[in-house]
N, C-alpha and C. Protein backbone atom coordinates (compact mmCIF):
# COMPACT_ATOMS: atom_id res chain seq x y z
N UNK A 1 -30.66 -78.01 -7.13
CA UNK A 1 -30.63 -79.46 -7.11
C UNK A 1 -31.94 -80.03 -6.58
N UNK A 2 -32.46 -79.44 -5.52
CA UNK A 2 -33.72 -79.91 -4.95
C UNK A 2 -34.85 -79.74 -5.95
N UNK A 3 -34.85 -78.62 -6.69
CA UNK A 3 -35.90 -78.36 -7.68
C UNK A 3 -35.88 -79.44 -8.77
N UNK A 4 -34.69 -79.83 -9.23
CA UNK A 4 -34.57 -80.88 -10.25
C UNK A 4 -35.08 -82.22 -9.72
N UNK A 5 -34.80 -82.50 -8.47
CA UNK A 5 -35.24 -83.76 -7.87
C UNK A 5 -36.76 -83.79 -7.78
N UNK A 6 -37.37 -82.69 -7.39
CA UNK A 6 -38.83 -82.61 -7.29
C UNK A 6 -39.46 -82.77 -8.67
N UNK A 7 -38.90 -82.13 -9.68
CA UNK A 7 -39.42 -82.26 -11.05
C UNK A 7 -39.28 -83.70 -11.54
N UNK A 8 -38.14 -84.31 -11.32
CA UNK A 8 -37.92 -85.70 -11.74
C UNK A 8 -38.90 -86.64 -11.04
N UNK A 9 -39.14 -86.41 -9.75
CA UNK A 9 -40.08 -87.24 -9.01
C UNK A 9 -41.50 -87.06 -9.54
N UNK A 10 -41.88 -85.83 -9.87
CA UNK A 10 -43.21 -85.55 -10.41
C UNK A 10 -43.39 -86.23 -11.76
N UNK A 11 -42.37 -86.20 -12.59
CA UNK A 11 -42.45 -86.86 -13.90
C UNK A 11 -42.56 -88.37 -13.75
N UNK A 12 -41.85 -88.93 -12.80
CA UNK A 12 -41.89 -90.37 -12.59
C UNK A 12 -43.28 -90.81 -12.14
N UNK A 13 -43.93 -90.01 -11.33
CA UNK A 13 -45.27 -90.34 -10.84
C UNK A 13 -46.31 -90.16 -11.93
N UNK A 14 -46.17 -89.14 -12.75
CA UNK A 14 -47.20 -88.84 -13.73
C UNK A 14 -47.01 -89.57 -15.06
N UNK A 15 -45.85 -90.18 -15.29
CA UNK A 15 -45.61 -90.90 -16.52
C UNK A 15 -46.26 -92.27 -16.43
N UNK A 16 -47.23 -92.56 -17.30
CA UNK A 16 -47.91 -93.85 -17.21
C UNK A 16 -46.99 -94.98 -17.69
N UNK A 17 -47.12 -96.11 -17.05
CA UNK A 17 -46.41 -97.29 -17.52
C UNK A 17 -47.44 -98.18 -18.19
N UNK A 18 -47.06 -98.74 -19.31
CA UNK A 18 -47.99 -99.55 -20.06
C UNK A 18 -47.65 -101.03 -19.87
N UNK A 19 -48.64 -101.79 -19.52
CA UNK A 19 -48.44 -103.22 -19.34
C UNK A 19 -48.35 -103.89 -20.70
N UNK A 20 -47.60 -104.94 -20.75
CA UNK A 20 -47.44 -105.70 -21.99
C UNK A 20 -48.57 -106.70 -22.15
N UNK A 21 -48.71 -107.20 -23.36
CA UNK A 21 -49.66 -108.27 -23.64
C UNK A 21 -48.87 -109.47 -24.14
N UNK A 22 -49.21 -110.65 -23.64
CA UNK A 22 -48.52 -111.87 -24.03
C UNK A 22 -49.53 -112.94 -24.41
N UNK A 23 -49.31 -113.59 -25.53
CA UNK A 23 -50.06 -114.79 -25.90
C UNK A 23 -49.24 -115.96 -25.41
N UNK A 24 -49.86 -116.85 -24.65
CA UNK A 24 -49.15 -117.97 -24.05
C UNK A 24 -49.84 -119.28 -24.42
N UNK A 25 -49.07 -120.15 -25.05
CA UNK A 25 -49.51 -121.50 -25.40
C UNK A 25 -49.12 -122.39 -24.22
N UNK A 26 -50.10 -122.97 -23.55
CA UNK A 26 -49.83 -123.75 -22.34
C UNK A 26 -49.69 -125.25 -22.62
N UNK A 27 -49.63 -125.62 -23.90
CA UNK A 27 -49.48 -127.03 -24.26
C UNK A 27 -48.02 -127.46 -24.14
N UNK A 28 -47.77 -128.75 -24.29
CA UNK A 28 -46.40 -129.27 -24.22
C UNK A 28 -45.61 -128.77 -25.43
N UNK A 29 -44.27 -128.70 -25.30
CA UNK A 29 -43.44 -128.15 -26.39
C UNK A 29 -43.65 -128.82 -27.76
N UNK A 30 -43.89 -130.12 -27.78
CA UNK A 30 -44.10 -130.81 -29.06
C UNK A 30 -45.33 -130.28 -29.78
N UNK A 31 -46.40 -130.02 -29.05
CA UNK A 31 -47.62 -129.46 -29.67
C UNK A 31 -47.36 -128.03 -30.14
N UNK A 32 -46.66 -127.27 -29.33
CA UNK A 32 -46.31 -125.89 -29.69
C UNK A 32 -45.49 -125.87 -30.97
N UNK A 33 -44.52 -126.79 -31.09
CA UNK A 33 -43.66 -126.82 -32.27
C UNK A 33 -44.43 -127.18 -33.53
N UNK A 34 -45.45 -128.02 -33.40
CA UNK A 34 -46.26 -128.38 -34.57
C UNK A 34 -47.05 -127.18 -35.10
N UNK A 35 -47.65 -126.43 -34.17
CA UNK A 35 -48.39 -125.21 -34.55
C UNK A 35 -48.60 -124.35 -33.32
N UNK A 36 -48.53 -123.05 -33.54
CA UNK A 36 -48.77 -122.10 -32.45
C UNK A 36 -49.13 -120.74 -33.05
N UNK A 37 -49.72 -119.90 -32.23
CA UNK A 37 -50.05 -118.54 -32.62
C UNK A 37 -48.75 -117.78 -32.82
N UNK A 38 -48.67 -117.06 -33.91
CA UNK A 38 -47.46 -116.28 -34.22
C UNK A 38 -47.14 -115.35 -33.05
N UNK A 39 -45.91 -115.44 -32.56
CA UNK A 39 -45.46 -114.58 -31.46
C UNK A 39 -45.77 -115.10 -30.07
N UNK A 40 -46.46 -116.24 -29.97
CA UNK A 40 -46.83 -116.78 -28.66
C UNK A 40 -45.63 -117.38 -27.95
N UNK A 41 -45.64 -117.27 -26.64
CA UNK A 41 -44.66 -117.93 -25.79
C UNK A 41 -45.17 -119.33 -25.47
N UNK A 42 -44.28 -120.27 -25.32
CA UNK A 42 -44.68 -121.61 -24.87
C UNK A 42 -44.29 -121.76 -23.41
N UNK A 43 -45.30 -121.73 -22.56
CA UNK A 43 -45.10 -121.99 -21.14
C UNK A 43 -46.07 -123.11 -20.78
N UNK A 44 -45.58 -124.36 -20.78
CA UNK A 44 -46.46 -125.49 -20.51
C UNK A 44 -47.17 -125.38 -19.16
N UNK A 45 -48.37 -125.94 -19.11
CA UNK A 45 -49.18 -125.93 -17.90
C UNK A 45 -48.39 -126.45 -16.71
N UNK A 46 -47.61 -127.52 -16.91
CA UNK A 46 -46.84 -128.10 -15.79
C UNK A 46 -45.84 -127.09 -15.23
N UNK A 47 -45.23 -126.28 -16.09
CA UNK A 47 -44.29 -125.25 -15.62
C UNK A 47 -45.02 -124.15 -14.87
N UNK A 48 -46.19 -123.79 -15.34
CA UNK A 48 -46.98 -122.76 -14.65
C UNK A 48 -47.38 -123.25 -13.27
N UNK A 49 -47.90 -124.48 -13.20
CA UNK A 49 -48.34 -125.01 -11.91
C UNK A 49 -47.18 -125.18 -10.93
N UNK A 50 -45.99 -125.48 -11.46
CA UNK A 50 -44.82 -125.65 -10.60
C UNK A 50 -44.13 -124.32 -10.30
N UNK A 51 -44.51 -123.27 -11.03
CA UNK A 51 -43.89 -121.96 -10.83
C UNK A 51 -42.48 -121.90 -11.38
N UNK A 52 -42.17 -122.75 -12.37
CA UNK A 52 -40.81 -122.82 -12.92
C UNK A 52 -40.72 -122.18 -14.30
N UNK A 53 -41.23 -120.98 -14.41
CA UNK A 53 -41.16 -120.24 -15.67
C UNK A 53 -40.63 -118.85 -15.39
N UNK A 54 -40.10 -118.21 -16.42
CA UNK A 54 -39.61 -116.83 -16.25
C UNK A 54 -40.81 -115.94 -15.97
N UNK A 55 -40.77 -115.24 -14.85
CA UNK A 55 -41.93 -114.43 -14.48
C UNK A 55 -42.21 -113.31 -15.48
N UNK A 56 -43.47 -113.02 -15.64
CA UNK A 56 -43.94 -111.91 -16.46
C UNK A 56 -44.46 -110.85 -15.51
N UNK A 57 -44.71 -109.65 -16.03
CA UNK A 57 -45.25 -108.59 -15.19
C UNK A 57 -46.62 -108.95 -14.65
N UNK A 58 -46.81 -108.79 -13.37
CA UNK A 58 -48.10 -109.13 -12.75
C UNK A 58 -49.24 -108.29 -13.29
N UNK A 59 -48.91 -107.11 -13.85
CA UNK A 59 -49.94 -106.24 -14.41
C UNK A 59 -50.12 -106.45 -15.92
N UNK A 60 -49.29 -107.32 -16.52
CA UNK A 60 -49.41 -107.62 -17.95
C UNK A 60 -50.70 -108.38 -18.22
N UNK A 61 -51.17 -108.31 -19.45
CA UNK A 61 -52.32 -109.09 -19.86
C UNK A 61 -51.81 -110.37 -20.50
N UNK A 62 -52.29 -111.49 -19.98
CA UNK A 62 -51.86 -112.80 -20.46
C UNK A 62 -53.04 -113.49 -21.15
N UNK A 63 -52.88 -113.77 -22.43
CA UNK A 63 -53.90 -114.48 -23.21
C UNK A 63 -53.45 -115.93 -23.31
N UNK A 64 -54.20 -116.83 -22.70
CA UNK A 64 -53.83 -118.24 -22.66
C UNK A 64 -54.64 -119.04 -23.66
N UNK A 65 -53.99 -120.04 -24.27
CA UNK A 65 -54.73 -120.97 -25.11
C UNK A 65 -54.07 -122.34 -25.07
N UNK A 66 -54.83 -123.34 -25.52
CA UNK A 66 -54.33 -124.72 -25.60
C UNK A 66 -55.07 -125.38 -26.76
N UNK A 67 -55.45 -126.65 -26.62
CA UNK A 67 -56.21 -127.32 -27.68
C UNK A 67 -57.70 -127.04 -27.57
N UNK A 68 -58.22 -127.10 -26.35
CA UNK A 68 -59.66 -126.96 -26.16
C UNK A 68 -60.07 -125.89 -25.15
N UNK A 69 -59.14 -125.44 -24.35
CA UNK A 69 -59.44 -124.45 -23.30
C UNK A 69 -59.33 -125.02 -21.90
N UNK A 70 -59.31 -126.35 -21.77
CA UNK A 70 -59.25 -126.98 -20.45
C UNK A 70 -57.93 -126.70 -19.74
N UNK A 71 -56.81 -126.91 -20.42
CA UNK A 71 -55.51 -126.64 -19.81
C UNK A 71 -55.33 -125.14 -19.55
N UNK A 72 -55.87 -124.32 -20.43
CA UNK A 72 -55.79 -122.87 -20.25
C UNK A 72 -56.56 -122.45 -18.99
N UNK A 73 -57.66 -123.13 -18.70
CA UNK A 73 -58.42 -122.84 -17.48
C UNK A 73 -57.59 -123.15 -16.24
N UNK A 74 -56.92 -124.29 -16.26
CA UNK A 74 -56.07 -124.67 -15.12
C UNK A 74 -54.90 -123.69 -14.97
N UNK A 75 -54.32 -123.29 -16.09
CA UNK A 75 -53.22 -122.32 -16.06
C UNK A 75 -53.71 -120.96 -15.55
N UNK A 76 -54.89 -120.57 -15.99
CA UNK A 76 -55.48 -119.30 -15.55
C UNK A 76 -55.64 -119.29 -14.03
N UNK A 77 -56.18 -120.37 -13.50
CA UNK A 77 -56.37 -120.46 -12.04
C UNK A 77 -55.04 -120.35 -11.31
N UNK A 78 -54.02 -121.08 -11.79
CA UNK A 78 -52.71 -121.06 -11.13
C UNK A 78 -52.09 -119.66 -11.19
N UNK A 79 -52.16 -119.02 -12.34
CA UNK A 79 -51.56 -117.68 -12.50
C UNK A 79 -52.27 -116.65 -11.63
N UNK A 80 -53.58 -116.74 -11.56
CA UNK A 80 -54.32 -115.80 -10.71
C UNK A 80 -53.96 -116.00 -9.24
N UNK A 81 -53.74 -117.23 -8.83
CA UNK A 81 -53.34 -117.48 -7.45
C UNK A 81 -51.93 -116.94 -7.17
N UNK A 82 -51.12 -116.82 -8.24
CA UNK A 82 -49.77 -116.25 -8.10
C UNK A 82 -49.79 -114.73 -8.10
N UNK A 83 -50.96 -114.14 -8.33
CA UNK A 83 -51.06 -112.70 -8.29
C UNK A 83 -51.14 -112.00 -9.64
N UNK A 84 -51.19 -112.77 -10.73
CA UNK A 84 -51.36 -112.15 -12.05
C UNK A 84 -52.80 -111.64 -12.15
N UNK A 85 -52.94 -110.38 -12.54
CA UNK A 85 -54.23 -109.72 -12.46
C UNK A 85 -55.09 -109.82 -13.72
N UNK A 86 -54.45 -109.93 -14.87
CA UNK A 86 -55.18 -109.89 -16.13
C UNK A 86 -54.87 -111.14 -16.94
N UNK A 87 -55.54 -112.23 -16.59
CA UNK A 87 -55.31 -113.52 -17.25
C UNK A 87 -56.61 -113.92 -17.95
N UNK A 88 -56.51 -114.14 -19.27
CA UNK A 88 -57.71 -114.40 -20.06
C UNK A 88 -57.56 -115.75 -20.77
N UNK A 89 -58.52 -116.63 -20.56
CA UNK A 89 -58.54 -117.92 -21.24
C UNK A 89 -59.20 -117.72 -22.60
N UNK A 90 -58.41 -117.91 -23.65
CA UNK A 90 -58.92 -117.72 -25.02
C UNK A 90 -59.42 -119.01 -25.64
N UNK A 91 -59.33 -120.13 -24.92
CA UNK A 91 -59.85 -121.39 -25.42
C UNK A 91 -58.86 -122.16 -26.27
N UNK A 92 -59.39 -122.84 -27.29
CA UNK A 92 -58.57 -123.69 -28.14
C UNK A 92 -57.98 -122.94 -29.32
N UNK A 93 -56.84 -123.39 -29.78
CA UNK A 93 -56.13 -122.73 -30.88
C UNK A 93 -56.97 -122.69 -32.16
N UNK A 94 -57.76 -123.71 -32.42
CA UNK A 94 -58.54 -123.78 -33.66
C UNK A 94 -59.61 -122.68 -33.73
N UNK A 95 -60.05 -122.20 -32.58
CA UNK A 95 -61.11 -121.19 -32.56
C UNK A 95 -60.59 -119.75 -32.59
N UNK A 96 -59.27 -119.59 -32.59
CA UNK A 96 -58.69 -118.24 -32.56
C UNK A 96 -58.50 -117.71 -33.98
N UNK A 97 -58.79 -116.47 -34.15
CA UNK A 97 -58.61 -115.83 -35.45
C UNK A 97 -57.30 -115.06 -35.43
N UNK A 98 -56.20 -115.81 -35.30
CA UNK A 98 -54.86 -115.24 -35.22
C UNK A 98 -53.96 -115.99 -36.20
N UNK A 99 -52.90 -115.35 -36.70
CA UNK A 99 -51.95 -116.05 -37.58
C UNK A 99 -51.29 -117.22 -36.83
N UNK A 100 -51.22 -118.36 -37.50
CA UNK A 100 -50.65 -119.57 -36.93
C UNK A 100 -49.36 -119.93 -37.66
N UNK A 101 -48.36 -120.34 -36.88
CA UNK A 101 -47.10 -120.82 -37.42
C UNK A 101 -47.14 -122.35 -37.34
N UNK A 102 -46.86 -123.03 -38.44
CA UNK A 102 -46.84 -124.49 -38.43
C UNK A 102 -45.48 -124.99 -38.87
N UNK A 103 -45.09 -126.16 -38.36
CA UNK A 103 -43.83 -126.76 -38.78
C UNK A 103 -44.09 -127.59 -40.03
N UNK A 104 -43.09 -127.68 -40.85
CA UNK A 104 -43.22 -128.41 -42.12
C UNK A 104 -42.81 -129.84 -41.94
C-alpha cells in the first residue's frame, strides 16, 4: 500500500498541468453581441474591476481585447493586481486576425 501511495505521489508531481488560454472581450454585452471573436468570453471591464466574474485559473493565459485597446489595458491592470500572471492586451477587435462572429 505504501509503495502504491509513493508511486501515485510521484506521478502527481511529475505530471505537467497545462494552463488554458482564454480570449476575453472586455466590452459591454451589447457590443459583444454585435460582434466578437469566435469562442471569446464576454467579461465586461466593469465586472473585472469589481471582481464580479467567474474566476479563471491564475496561471491561464488571458488574451484581452476591446474596441481600441484602452479598456483592455485597464482590465489587464486590474487582473494583474488580482494575481493573474499571463494577461495580454491584444488591442482592438478590428486589428485582430481571428474569426469574428456577428449578429444579423
